[in-house]
């Protein structure tokens, strides 16, 4: 999976979480927001080469 697909996937999860929040699905939207944030942080930290961080590879 290259970086463009990862960015699209993270963005889609965020937008779906936002739409879920607007429609009142607070538990689902919270889970989607958290997964988007974790995935984004993992992606950034793996590019920086920080030790002890999870990686997409």
Protein backbone atom coordinates (compact mmCIF):
# COMPACT_ATOMS: atom_id res chain seq x y z
CA UNK A 1 0.00 0.00 0.00
CA UNK A 2 1.57 3.27 -1.01
CA UNK A 3 1.20 6.63 0.70
CA UNK A 4 -1.63 7.90 -1.53
CA UNK A 5 -3.85 4.95 -0.63
CA UNK A 6 -3.05 5.36 3.06
CA UNK A 7 -3.95 9.06 2.89
CA UNK A 8 -7.20 8.30 1.07
CA UNK A 9 -8.10 5.58 3.59
CA UNK A 10 -7.38 7.80 6.62
CA UNK A 11 -9.32 10.68 5.05
CA UNK A 12 -12.27 8.43 4.26
CA UNK A 13 -12.38 7.08 7.81
CA UNK A 14 -12.31 10.64 9.15
CA UNK A 15 -15.11 11.82 6.85
CA UNK A 16 -17.26 8.78 7.68
CA UNK A 17 -16.67 9.51 11.37
CA UNK A 18 -17.74 13.11 10.83
CA UNK A 19 -20.91 12.05 9.05
CA UNK A 20 -21.63 9.55 11.83
CA UNK A 21 -21.21 12.29 14.43
CA UNK A 22 -23.63 14.56 12.58
CA UNK A 23 -26.20 11.79 12.32
CA UNK A 24 -26.00 11.02 16.04
CA UNK A 25 -23.96 7.79 16.02
CA UNK A 26 -21.59 8.99 18.72
CA UNK A 27 -20.01 5.65 19.67
CA UNK A 28 -19.27 4.69 16.08
CA UNK A 29 -17.99 8.15 15.18
CA UNK A 30 -15.72 8.21 18.24
CA UNK A 31 -14.25 4.87 17.20
CA UNK A 32 -13.68 6.08 13.64
CA UNK A 33 -12.08 9.34 14.82
CA UNK A 34 -9.76 7.40 17.14
CA UNK A 35 -8.75 4.94 14.41
CA UNK A 36 -8.03 7.79 11.98
CA UNK A 37 -5.90 9.57 14.58
CA UNK A 38 -3.96 6.43 15.49
CA UNK A 39 -3.39 5.50 11.85
CA UNK A 40 -2.21 9.01 11.03
CA UNK A 41 0.21 9.03 13.98
CA UNK A 42 1.58 5.61 13.06
CA UNK A 43 2.14 6.81 9.50
CA UNK A 44 3.94 10.00 10.59
CA UNK A 45 6.09 8.24 13.19
CA UNK A 46 7.12 5.48 10.79
CA UNK A 47 8.33 8.10 8.30
CA UNK A 48 10.38 9.77 11.03
CA UNK A 49 11.96 6.45 11.97
CA UNK A 50 11.11 6.65 15.65
CA UNK A 51 12.10 3.53 17.54
CA UNK A 52 9.36 1.58 19.28
CA UNK A 53 6.58 2.78 17.02
CA UNK A 54 4.35 0.54 14.96
CA UNK A 55 4.75 0.61 11.21
CA UNK A 56 2.52 0.04 8.20
CA UNK A 57 5.19 -2.12 6.57
